[in-house]
Every structure is written in structure tokens, then in C-alpha cells.
Amino acid sequence: MTSKHLGSCLCGEVRFEVVGEFEHFFLCHCTRCQKDTGSAHAANLFSVSAKIEWLSGQSHVRTFNVPSTRHEKSFCSICGSAVPSLQMNGGLLVVPAGSLDSAIDLRPSAHIMVESRASWDRGLEDIPQVDGLPG
């Protein structure tokens, strides 16, 4: 049975469906991923076989390519949320894990580019965890 995953941006204008399997799930700590997520790492799913269908808002999708690199990010032009992109001349589908609305059974395959890890991104499992907003 083929997997199907629904996803959207923060404002809901961009909606999509991914049909097929993800081969990899990487948490990338490179400085470019830190910059384009504003966080410690990017969490992206990768597939060379899955297909994406834009259900709405494809006209709002913009893509930024870092000059002279293969690094690119697609995002909703209304809310700025990361959305999927077809990279490497359409041969690789990259889906930000947080853009999915449906659950996935895949756990991250690896932390990559850890030599670039943010200095504050260590021992985080030791800090308090709060179910809601802090009081």
C-alpha cells in the first residue's frame, strides 16, 4: 500500500499531498539550515520516488537558492512557512517534516553536519520539559 501524507503551511493557503515513501529523514545542523529555520537544525524528509500534488496555493510557493550552492528553501510567500521543494532538477523531493499534517512512522535517520552544530544545542534532554506554555 502506498503512503499518502497531507501537509500545509502555517496560514493554510498552501496545501499539498505527498504520495509515496520517504527514503531518508535527516536532522541537518549546517549553518545554512540553522539560518533558514531559525533553529538548531532542519528536519527534512527526502524521496527520489514520492510525488507531490499541490492541492492549493502553489502560486504562493517561492524558492530561494543560496548562490553558488545546492542549498535551497521553498516557502509560502504569505506566512513564510517552509514547504516542500523539488531539487536536483526535479529528481529529489525534500519535505520539511514540520509541514506535514499527517503522522509519519519514520524516525530520523541521522543528525548530519554536526560539526556545525549550534553551541547551545547540547544536552537539551537535561532541561525541563513543559507540556504547555511556561507559567
N, C-alpha and C. Protein backbone atom coordinates (compact mmCIF):
# COMPACT_ATOMS: atom_id res chain seq x y z
N MET A 1 0.83 -1.17 0.00
CA MET A 1 0.00 0.00 0.00
C MET A 1 0.88 1.25 0.00
N THR A 2 0.58 2.19 -0.85
CA THR A 2 1.36 3.40 -0.99
C THR A 2 0.98 4.40 0.11
N SER A 3 1.99 5.02 0.71
CA SER A 3 1.74 6.02 1.75
C SER A 3 1.27 7.33 1.13
N LYS A 4 0.37 8.00 1.85
CA LYS A 4 -0.09 9.33 1.45
C LYS A 4 0.02 10.22 2.68
N HIS A 5 0.55 11.42 2.47
CA HIS A 5 0.71 12.37 3.56
C HIS A 5 0.18 13.72 3.12
N LEU A 6 -0.61 14.35 3.99
CA LEU A 6 -1.11 15.69 3.74
C LEU A 6 -0.25 16.69 4.50
N GLY A 7 -0.13 17.89 3.93
CA GLY A 7 0.63 18.92 4.59
C GLY A 7 0.13 20.30 4.21
N SER A 8 0.62 21.30 4.95
CA SER A 8 0.20 22.68 4.69
C SER A 8 1.19 23.64 5.33
N CYS A 9 1.02 24.91 4.99
CA CYS A 9 1.81 25.97 5.61
C CYS A 9 1.06 26.48 6.84
N LEU A 10 1.66 27.42 7.54
CA LEU A 10 1.07 27.95 8.77
C LEU A 10 -0.25 28.66 8.53
N CYS A 11 -0.36 29.43 7.45
CA CYS A 11 -1.60 30.17 7.20
C CYS A 11 -2.66 29.32 6.49
N GLY A 12 -2.27 28.15 6.00
CA GLY A 12 -3.21 27.23 5.35
C GLY A 12 -3.46 27.49 3.88
N GLU A 13 -2.83 28.51 3.31
CA GLU A 13 -3.04 28.81 1.89
C GLU A 13 -2.39 27.76 0.99
N VAL A 14 -1.22 27.26 1.40
CA VAL A 14 -0.53 26.23 0.62
C VAL A 14 -0.85 24.89 1.25
N ARG A 15 -1.43 24.00 0.44
CA ARG A 15 -1.76 22.64 0.89
C ARG A 15 -1.26 21.66 -0.16
N PHE A 16 -0.81 20.50 0.29
CA PHE A 16 -0.24 19.53 -0.63
C PHE A 16 -0.46 18.11 -0.12
N GLU A 17 -0.27 17.16 -1.04
CA GLU A 17 -0.30 15.74 -0.71
C GLU A 17 0.95 15.10 -1.30
N VAL A 18 1.61 14.28 -0.50
CA VAL A 18 2.76 13.52 -0.96
C VAL A 18 2.33 12.06 -1.02
N VAL A 19 2.52 11.44 -2.18
CA VAL A 19 2.18 10.04 -2.37
C VAL A 19 3.48 9.28 -2.63
N GLY A 20 3.76 8.30 -1.78
CA GLY A 20 4.98 7.52 -1.92
C GLY A 20 5.74 7.46 -0.61
N GLU A 21 6.89 6.86 -0.68
CA GLU A 21 7.70 6.61 0.52
C GLU A 21 8.86 7.59 0.62
N PHE A 22 9.22 7.92 1.85
CA PHE A 22 10.42 8.71 2.11
C PHE A 22 11.57 7.74 2.35
N GLU A 23 12.71 8.00 1.71
CA GLU A 23 13.87 7.13 1.89
C GLU A 23 14.73 7.56 3.06
N HIS A 24 14.74 8.87 3.36
CA HIS A 24 15.60 9.38 4.42
C HIS A 24 14.89 10.48 5.20
N PHE A 25 15.29 10.62 6.44
CA PHE A 25 14.80 11.68 7.32
C PHE A 25 16.02 12.17 8.08
N PHE A 26 16.53 13.33 7.71
CA PHE A 26 17.74 13.86 8.31
C PHE A 26 17.47 15.11 9.13
N LEU A 27 18.19 15.24 10.22
CA LEU A 27 18.23 16.45 11.02
C LEU A 27 19.56 17.12 10.69
N CYS A 28 19.50 18.19 9.90
CA CYS A 28 20.73 18.83 9.40
C CYS A 28 21.10 20.03 10.25
N HIS A 29 22.32 20.03 10.76
CA HIS A 29 22.81 21.08 11.64
C HIS A 29 23.72 22.08 10.93
N CYS A 30 23.77 22.07 9.60
CA CYS A 30 24.64 23.01 8.89
C CYS A 30 24.18 24.44 9.16
N THR A 31 25.10 25.38 9.01
CA THR A 31 24.76 26.78 9.31
C THR A 31 23.68 27.32 8.39
N ARG A 32 23.61 26.84 7.16
CA ARG A 32 22.55 27.30 6.26
C ARG A 32 21.18 26.84 6.76
N CYS A 33 21.07 25.59 7.21
CA CYS A 33 19.80 25.10 7.74
C CYS A 33 19.44 25.82 9.04
N GLN A 34 20.44 26.17 9.85
CA GLN A 34 20.17 26.96 11.05
C GLN A 34 19.59 28.31 10.65
N LYS A 35 20.16 28.93 9.65
CA LYS A 35 19.67 30.24 9.20
C LYS A 35 18.27 30.15 8.61
N ASP A 36 18.02 29.15 7.75
CA ASP A 36 16.71 29.14 7.09
C ASP A 36 15.59 28.59 7.96
N THR A 37 15.92 27.98 9.12
CA THR A 37 14.87 27.56 10.04
C THR A 37 14.80 28.46 11.28
N GLY A 38 15.88 29.18 11.56
CA GLY A 38 15.94 29.96 12.79
C GLY A 38 16.04 29.08 14.02
N SER A 39 16.52 27.85 13.84
CA SER A 39 16.57 26.89 14.92
C SER A 39 17.90 26.13 14.88
N ALA A 40 18.00 25.10 15.70
CA ALA A 40 19.23 24.33 15.80
C ALA A 40 19.50 23.47 14.57
N HIS A 41 18.43 23.06 13.89
CA HIS A 41 18.60 22.19 12.73
C HIS A 41 17.33 22.19 11.90
N ALA A 42 17.46 21.73 10.68
CA ALA A 42 16.31 21.47 9.82
C ALA A 42 15.95 20.00 9.97
N ALA A 43 14.67 19.68 9.85
CA ALA A 43 14.18 18.30 9.90
C ALA A 43 13.48 18.04 8.57
N ASN A 44 14.19 17.39 7.64
CA ASN A 44 13.67 17.20 6.28
C ASN A 44 13.59 15.73 5.91
N LEU A 45 12.50 15.40 5.20
CA LEU A 45 12.29 14.07 4.64
C LEU A 45 12.68 14.12 3.17
N PHE A 46 13.30 13.06 2.67
CA PHE A 46 13.80 13.01 1.31
C PHE A 46 13.24 11.81 0.56
N SER A 47 12.90 12.02 -0.71
CA SER A 47 12.43 10.92 -1.54
C SER A 47 12.80 11.15 -3.00
N VAL A 48 13.26 10.10 -3.64
CA VAL A 48 13.50 10.15 -5.09
C VAL A 48 12.34 9.54 -5.85
N SER A 49 11.38 8.93 -5.12
CA SER A 49 10.27 8.26 -5.80
C SER A 49 8.90 8.85 -5.50
N ALA A 50 8.73 9.51 -4.36
CA ALA A 50 7.41 10.06 -3.99
C ALA A 50 7.05 11.22 -4.91
N LYS A 51 5.77 11.44 -5.06
CA LYS A 51 5.26 12.52 -5.91
C LYS A 51 4.49 13.50 -5.04
N ILE A 52 4.54 14.77 -5.43
CA ILE A 52 3.80 15.80 -4.71
C ILE A 52 2.70 16.34 -5.60
N GLU A 53 1.53 16.55 -4.99
CA GLU A 53 0.42 17.20 -5.68
C GLU A 53 0.05 18.42 -4.84
N TRP A 54 0.07 19.57 -5.48
CA TRP A 54 -0.32 20.80 -4.80
C TRP A 54 -1.84 20.87 -4.82
N LEU A 55 -2.46 20.88 -3.65
CA LEU A 55 -3.91 20.91 -3.53
C LEU A 55 -4.43 22.34 -3.59
N SER A 56 -3.64 23.30 -3.10
CA SER A 56 -3.98 24.72 -3.20
C SER A 56 -2.74 25.55 -2.91
N GLY A 57 -2.75 26.76 -3.42
CA GLY A 57 -1.73 27.74 -3.09
C GLY A 57 -0.38 27.60 -3.75
N GLN A 58 -0.24 26.77 -4.77
CA GLN A 58 1.07 26.60 -5.41
C GLN A 58 1.61 27.94 -5.90
N SER A 59 0.73 28.86 -6.28
CA SER A 59 1.18 30.17 -6.76
C SER A 59 1.82 31.00 -5.65
N HIS A 60 1.64 30.60 -4.39
CA HIS A 60 2.25 31.31 -3.26
C HIS A 60 3.61 30.73 -2.89
N VAL A 61 4.02 29.63 -3.53
CA VAL A 61 5.30 29.00 -3.19
C VAL A 61 6.43 29.73 -3.89
N ARG A 62 7.41 30.13 -3.10
CA ARG A 62 8.62 30.77 -3.61
C ARG A 62 9.81 29.91 -3.21
N THR A 63 10.87 29.96 -4.00
CA THR A 63 12.07 29.19 -3.71
C THR A 63 13.27 30.11 -3.72
N PHE A 64 14.09 30.00 -2.69
CA PHE A 64 15.33 30.76 -2.60
C PHE A 64 16.49 29.79 -2.71
N ASN A 65 17.39 30.07 -3.63
CA ASN A 65 18.61 29.28 -3.80
C ASN A 65 19.78 30.11 -3.30
N VAL A 66 20.58 29.53 -2.40
CA VAL A 66 21.78 30.22 -1.95
C VAL A 66 22.75 30.22 -3.12
N PRO A 67 23.18 31.40 -3.59
CA PRO A 67 24.06 31.47 -4.77
C PRO A 67 25.30 30.59 -4.62
N SER A 68 25.66 29.95 -5.71
CA SER A 68 26.85 29.10 -5.82
C SER A 68 26.82 27.88 -4.90
N THR A 69 25.60 27.45 -4.49
CA THR A 69 25.46 26.24 -3.67
C THR A 69 24.27 25.44 -4.18
N ARG A 70 24.07 24.25 -3.61
CA ARG A 70 22.89 23.46 -3.91
C ARG A 70 21.81 23.66 -2.85
N HIS A 71 22.05 24.57 -1.90
CA HIS A 71 21.10 24.79 -0.81
C HIS A 71 19.95 25.65 -1.28
N GLU A 72 18.75 25.13 -1.10
CA GLU A 72 17.57 25.91 -1.44
C GLU A 72 16.46 25.66 -0.43
N LYS A 73 15.56 26.62 -0.35
CA LYS A 73 14.43 26.53 0.56
C LYS A 73 13.20 27.05 -0.15
N SER A 74 12.10 26.29 -0.08
CA SER A 74 10.82 26.76 -0.61
C SER A 74 9.96 27.14 0.57
N PHE A 75 9.13 28.17 0.38
CA PHE A 75 8.34 28.71 1.47
C PHE A 75 7.08 29.37 0.93
N CYS A 76 6.09 29.52 1.81
CA CYS A 76 4.85 30.22 1.47
C CYS A 76 5.15 31.71 1.49
N SER A 77 4.80 32.40 0.41
CA SER A 77 5.07 33.84 0.33
C SER A 77 4.16 34.67 1.24
N ILE A 78 3.12 34.05 1.80
CA ILE A 78 2.22 34.77 2.70
C ILE A 78 2.72 34.68 4.15
N CYS A 79 2.95 33.45 4.64
CA CYS A 79 3.31 33.29 6.05
C CYS A 79 4.78 32.94 6.28
N GLY A 80 5.50 32.60 5.23
CA GLY A 80 6.93 32.29 5.36
C GLY A 80 7.25 30.86 5.76
N SER A 81 6.23 30.03 5.97
CA SER A 81 6.47 28.64 6.38
C SER A 81 7.22 27.86 5.30
N ALA A 82 8.10 26.97 5.76
CA ALA A 82 8.81 26.07 4.85
C ALA A 82 7.81 25.08 4.25
N VAL A 83 7.93 24.85 2.95
CA VAL A 83 7.09 23.89 2.24
C VAL A 83 7.99 23.02 1.37
N PRO A 84 7.47 21.92 0.83
CA PRO A 84 8.29 21.02 0.02
C PRO A 84 8.88 21.69 -1.21
N SER A 85 9.97 21.09 -1.67
CA SER A 85 10.59 21.56 -2.92
C SER A 85 11.12 20.37 -3.69
N LEU A 86 11.10 20.52 -5.00
CA LEU A 86 11.73 19.55 -5.89
C LEU A 86 13.11 20.08 -6.20
N GLN A 87 14.13 19.32 -5.84
CA GLN A 87 15.50 19.75 -6.03
C GLN A 87 16.21 18.82 -6.99
N MET A 88 17.44 19.17 -7.34
CA MET A 88 18.27 18.37 -8.24
C MET A 88 17.52 18.09 -9.54
N ASN A 89 17.07 19.15 -10.19
CA ASN A 89 16.34 19.06 -11.46
C ASN A 89 15.09 18.20 -11.35
N GLY A 90 14.41 18.27 -10.22
CA GLY A 90 13.17 17.53 -10.02
C GLY A 90 13.35 16.09 -9.60
N GLY A 91 14.59 15.66 -9.39
CA GLY A 91 14.86 14.27 -9.04
C GLY A 91 14.79 13.96 -7.56
N LEU A 92 14.65 14.98 -6.72
CA LEU A 92 14.64 14.78 -5.28
C LEU A 92 13.55 15.65 -4.65
N LEU A 93 12.62 15.02 -3.96
CA LEU A 93 11.59 15.74 -3.23
C LEU A 93 12.07 15.91 -1.79
N VAL A 94 12.11 17.16 -1.33
CA VAL A 94 12.52 17.47 0.03
C VAL A 94 11.31 18.07 0.74
N VAL A 95 10.89 17.42 1.83
CA VAL A 95 9.69 17.84 2.56
C VAL A 95 10.07 18.19 4.00
N PRO A 96 9.88 19.45 4.40
CA PRO A 96 10.10 19.79 5.81
C PRO A 96 9.14 18.97 6.68
N ALA A 97 9.68 18.23 7.63
CA ALA A 97 8.85 17.33 8.44
C ALA A 97 7.74 18.08 9.16
N GLY A 98 8.01 19.29 9.60
CA GLY A 98 7.01 20.07 10.32
C GLY A 98 5.88 20.58 9.45
N SER A 99 6.03 20.47 8.13
CA SER A 99 4.95 20.93 7.24
C SER A 99 3.87 19.87 7.04
N LEU A 100 4.14 18.65 7.52
CA LEU A 100 3.16 17.57 7.36
C LEU A 100 2.07 17.68 8.42
N ASP A 101 0.84 17.47 8.00
CA ASP A 101 -0.30 17.45 8.92
C ASP A 101 -0.63 16.03 9.36
N SER A 102 -0.21 15.05 8.58
CA SER A 102 -0.46 13.66 8.94
C SER A 102 0.79 13.07 9.58
N ALA A 103 0.57 12.10 10.46
CA ALA A 103 1.68 11.46 11.17
C ALA A 103 2.52 10.61 10.23
N ILE A 104 3.80 10.51 10.54
CA ILE A 104 4.69 9.62 9.79
C ILE A 104 5.25 8.60 10.76
N ASP A 105 5.54 7.41 10.25
CA ASP A 105 6.09 6.34 11.07
C ASP A 105 7.62 6.33 11.07
N LEU A 106 8.22 7.17 10.26
CA LEU A 106 9.67 7.19 10.09
C LEU A 106 10.33 8.04 11.16
N ARG A 107 11.36 7.51 11.80
CA ARG A 107 12.16 8.30 12.74
C ARG A 107 13.35 8.87 11.98
N PRO A 108 13.95 9.95 12.48
CA PRO A 108 15.12 10.49 11.79
C PRO A 108 16.19 9.43 11.59
N SER A 109 16.81 9.46 10.40
CA SER A 109 17.86 8.51 10.05
C SER A 109 19.18 8.88 10.71
N ALA A 110 19.44 10.20 10.80
CA ALA A 110 20.71 10.65 11.35
C ALA A 110 20.70 12.16 11.58
N HIS A 111 21.54 12.60 12.51
CA HIS A 111 21.91 14.00 12.63
C HIS A 111 23.06 14.17 11.64
N ILE A 112 22.97 15.15 10.76
CA ILE A 112 24.06 15.37 9.80
C ILE A 112 24.63 16.77 9.98
N MET A 113 25.84 16.95 9.48
CA MET A 113 26.57 18.22 9.57
C MET A 113 26.73 18.67 11.03
N VAL A 114 26.98 17.71 11.90
CA VAL A 114 27.06 18.01 13.33
C VAL A 114 28.29 18.85 13.70
N GLU A 115 29.28 18.91 12.82
CA GLU A 115 30.43 19.77 13.12
C GLU A 115 30.02 21.25 13.13
N SER A 116 28.87 21.56 12.53
CA SER A 116 28.35 22.93 12.50
C SER A 116 27.29 23.16 13.58
N ARG A 117 27.06 22.19 14.43
CA ARG A 117 26.01 22.28 15.45
C ARG A 117 26.15 23.57 16.26
N ALA A 118 25.00 24.19 16.55
CA ALA A 118 24.98 25.41 17.36
C ALA A 118 25.56 25.11 18.75
N SER A 119 26.28 26.06 19.30
CA SER A 119 26.95 25.85 20.59
C SER A 119 25.95 25.55 21.71
N TRP A 120 24.73 26.05 21.61
CA TRP A 120 23.72 25.83 22.65
C TRP A 120 22.90 24.55 22.45
N ASP A 121 23.20 23.81 21.36
CA ASP A 121 22.45 22.60 21.02
C ASP A 121 23.15 21.35 21.56
N ARG A 122 23.34 21.31 22.87
CA ARG A 122 23.98 20.16 23.50
C ARG A 122 23.28 19.90 24.84
N GLY A 123 23.08 18.63 25.17
CA GLY A 123 22.50 18.26 26.44
C GLY A 123 21.08 18.77 26.65
N LEU A 124 20.34 18.95 25.57
CA LEU A 124 18.98 19.51 25.68
C LEU A 124 18.01 18.57 26.38
N GLU A 125 18.31 17.28 26.38
CA GLU A 125 17.43 16.33 27.06
C GLU A 125 17.44 16.54 28.58
N ASP A 126 18.42 17.29 29.08
CA ASP A 126 18.55 17.54 30.51
C ASP A 126 17.74 18.74 31.00
N ILE A 127 17.22 19.57 30.11
CA ILE A 127 16.48 20.74 30.55
C ILE A 127 15.01 20.38 30.80
N PRO A 128 14.33 21.16 31.65
CA PRO A 128 12.93 20.83 31.98
C PRO A 128 12.04 20.79 30.72
N GLN A 129 11.03 19.92 30.78
CA GLN A 129 10.05 19.83 29.72
C GLN A 129 8.69 20.26 30.28
N VAL A 130 8.00 21.13 29.56
CA VAL A 130 6.73 21.68 30.00
C VAL A 130 5.68 21.35 28.93
N ASP A 131 4.56 20.75 29.32
CA ASP A 131 3.54 20.34 28.35
C ASP A 131 2.88 21.51 27.65
N GLY A 132 2.70 22.62 28.29
CA GLY A 132 2.08 23.81 27.69
C GLY A 132 3.04 24.97 27.72
N LEU A 133 2.50 26.18 27.72
CA LEU A 133 3.33 27.37 27.84
C LEU A 133 3.87 27.48 29.24
N PRO A 134 5.09 28.04 29.41
CA PRO A 134 5.63 28.20 30.76
C PRO A 134 4.78 29.18 31.57
N GLY A 135 4.69 28.96 32.86
CA GLY A 135 3.84 29.75 33.74
C GLY A 135 4.43 31.01 34.24
